[in-house]
Amino acid sequence: MVFPQTPLAQQRPGMRYTNSAMYQTLSTFLQEFSVQFPLLWALLVTVIIAGGSLVLYAFWELVLRGLFFLFSRRSSRRADRG
């Protein structure tokens, strides 16, 4: 599917190389959805924030456990040598 390109004069400066018709359609949909269905909008925002926090939690758990594992192996090697 190809979206029509708007002339450069009508686009915002930061969006020069993007397809602004798609963003305009998405923006209009989100604005209308938030006005027509405020409870669903609130639930959607809550689910997105909760999902993002779970993803970040899992990411940092893996990173910090990996770092702890690496440093504990290094310190155990030093203790064995000395």
C-alpha atoms as a PDB file:
ATOM      1  CA  MET A   1       0.000   0.000   0.000  1.00  0.00           C
ATOM      2  CA  VAL A   2       1.385   3.382  -0.987  1.00  0.00           C
ATOM      3  CA  PHE A   3       0.399   6.521   0.895  1.00  0.00           C
ATOM      4  CA  PRO A   4       0.248   9.797  -1.001  1.00  0.00           C
ATOM      5  CA  GLN A   5       3.124  12.139  -0.344  1.00  0.00           C
ATOM      6  CA  THR A   6       2.308  15.612   0.893  1.00  0.00           C
ATOM      7  CA  PRO A   7       4.288  18.502  -0.558  1.00  0.00           C
ATOM      8  CA  LEU A   8       7.383  19.496   1.399  1.00  0.00           C
ATOM      9  CA  ALA A   9       5.922  22.913   2.123  1.00  0.00           C
ATOM     10  CA  GLN A  10       3.102  21.303   4.143  1.00  0.00           C
ATOM     11  CA  GLN A  11       5.334  18.983   6.143  1.00  0.00           C
ATOM     12  CA  ARG A  12       6.972  19.850   9.406  1.00  0.00           C
ATOM     13  CA  PRO A  13      10.737  20.375   9.161  1.00  0.00           C
ATOM     14  CA  GLY A  14      11.601  17.370  11.323  1.00  0.00           C
ATOM     15  CA  MET A  15       9.444  15.036   9.248  1.00  0.00           C
ATOM     16  CA  ARG A  16      10.915  15.859   5.869  1.00  0.00           C
ATOM     17  CA  TYR A  17      11.857  12.296   4.923  1.00  0.00           C
ATOM     18  CA  THR A  18       8.930  10.434   6.486  1.00  0.00           C
ATOM     19  CA  ASN A  19       5.498   9.612   5.200  1.00  0.00           C
ATOM     20  CA  SER A  20       3.426  12.242   6.997  1.00  0.00           C
ATOM     21  CA  ALA A  21       0.058  10.985   5.724  1.00  0.00           C
ATOM     22  CA  MET A  22       0.504   7.809   7.751  1.00  0.00           C
ATOM     23  CA  TYR A  23       1.361   9.770  10.900  1.00  0.00           C
ATOM     24  CA  GLN A  24      -1.545  12.129  10.354  1.00  0.00           C
ATOM     25  CA  THR A  25      -3.963   9.201  10.016  1.00  0.00           C
ATOM     26  CA  LEU A  26      -2.579   7.530  13.129  1.00  0.00           C
ATOM     27  CA  SER A  27      -2.748  10.773  15.081  1.00  0.00           C
ATOM     28  CA  THR A  28      -6.355  11.353  14.054  1.00  0.00           C
ATOM     29  CA  PHE A  29      -7.301   7.795  14.998  1.00  0.00           C
ATOM     30  CA  LEU A  30      -5.662   8.051  18.426  1.00  0.00           C
ATOM     31  CA  GLN A  31      -7.294  11.396  19.152  1.00  0.00           C
ATOM     32  CA  GLU A  32     -10.748  10.143  18.197  1.00  0.00           C
ATOM     33  CA  PHE A  33     -10.289   6.866  20.067  1.00  0.00           C
ATOM     34  CA  SER A  34      -9.255   8.665  23.255  1.00  0.00           C
ATOM     35  CA  VAL A  35     -12.307  10.943  23.092  1.00  0.00           C
ATOM     36  CA  GLN A  36     -14.889   8.290  22.150  1.00  0.00           C
ATOM     37  CA  PHE A  37     -13.670   5.490  24.441  1.00  0.00           C
ATOM     38  CA  PRO A  38     -11.912   7.018  27.473  1.00  0.00           C
ATOM     39  CA  LEU A  39     -12.041   3.838  29.575  1.00  0.00           C
ATOM     40  CA  LEU A  40     -10.523   1.693  26.809  1.00  0.00           C
ATOM     41  CA  TRP A  41      -7.948   4.423  26.196  1.00  0.00           C
ATOM     42  CA  ALA A  42      -6.958   4.404  29.867  1.00  0.00           C
ATOM     43  CA  LEU A  43      -6.687   0.605  29.845  1.00  0.00           C
ATOM     44  CA  LEU A  44      -4.604   0.702  26.660  1.00  0.00           C
ATOM     45  CA  VAL A  45      -2.191   3.215  28.172  1.00  0.00           C
ATOM     46  CA  THR A  46      -1.962   1.167  31.374  1.00  0.00           C
ATOM     47  CA  VAL A  47      -1.267  -2.048  29.459  1.00  0.00           C
ATOM     48  CA  ILE A  48       1.432  -0.364  27.359  1.00  0.00           C
ATOM     49  CA  ILE A  49       3.164   1.067  30.429  1.00  0.00           C
ATOM     50  CA  ALA A  50       2.922  -2.224  32.344  1.00  0.00           C
ATOM     51  CA  GLY A  51       4.230  -4.183  29.358  1.00  0.00           C
ATOM     52  CA  GLY A  52       7.143  -1.811  28.917  1.00  0.00           C
ATOM     53  CA  SER A  53       8.037  -2.029  32.579  1.00  0.00           C
ATOM     54  CA  LEU A  54       7.998  -5.843  32.467  1.00  0.00           C
ATOM     55  CA  VAL A  55      10.234  -5.854  29.404  1.00  0.00           C
ATOM     56  CA  LEU A  56      12.699  -3.477  31.082  1.00  0.00           C
ATOM     57  CA  TYR A  57      12.609  -5.518  34.286  1.00  0.00           C
ATOM     58  CA  ALA A  58      13.408  -8.723  32.410  1.00  0.00           C
ATOM     59  CA  PHE A  59      16.154  -7.006  30.403  1.00  0.00           C
ATOM     60  CA  TRP A  60      17.928  -5.599  33.461  1.00  0.00           C
ATOM     61  CA  GLU A  61      17.522  -8.866  35.357  1.00  0.00           C
ATOM     62  CA  LEU A  62      19.334 -10.678  32.562  1.00  0.00           C
ATOM     63  CA  VAL A  63      22.024  -8.001  32.216  1.00  0.00           C
ATOM     64  CA  LEU A  64      22.718  -7.717  35.934  1.00  0.00           C
ATOM     65  CA  ARG A  65      22.708 -11.480  36.471  1.00  0.00           C
ATOM     66  CA  GLY A  66      25.113 -11.857  33.555  1.00  0.00           C
ATOM     67  CA  LEU A  67      27.442  -9.223  34.978  1.00  0.00           C
ATOM     68  CA  PHE A  68      27.270 -10.804  38.419  1.00  0.00           C
ATOM     69  CA  PHE A  69      28.048 -14.207  36.897  1.00  0.00           C
ATOM     70  CA  LEU A  70      31.058 -12.816  34.999  1.00  0.00           C
ATOM     71  CA  PHE A  71      32.496 -10.994  37.993  1.00  0.00           C
ATOM     72  CA  SER A  72      31.907 -13.892  40.377  1.00  0.00           C
ATOM     73  CA  ARG A  73      33.798 -16.231  38.008  1.00  0.00           C
ATOM     74  CA  ARG A  74      36.711 -13.778  37.829  1.00  0.00           C
ATOM     75  CA  SER A  75      36.914 -13.375  41.580  1.00  0.00           C
ATOM     76  CA  SER A  76      36.730 -17.141  42.132  1.00  0.00           C
ATOM     77  CA  ARG A  77      39.635 -17.621  39.682  1.00  0.00           C
ATOM     78  CA  ARG A  78      41.713 -15.074  41.581  1.00  0.00           C
ATOM     79  CA  ALA A  79      40.928 -16.755  44.894  1.00  0.00           C
ATOM     80  CA  ASP A  80      41.970 -20.141  43.500  1.00  0.00           C
ATOM     81  CA  ARG A  81      45.315 -18.762  42.266  1.00  0.00           C
ATOM     82  CA  GLY A  82      46.214 -16.841  45.382  1.00  0.00           C
END
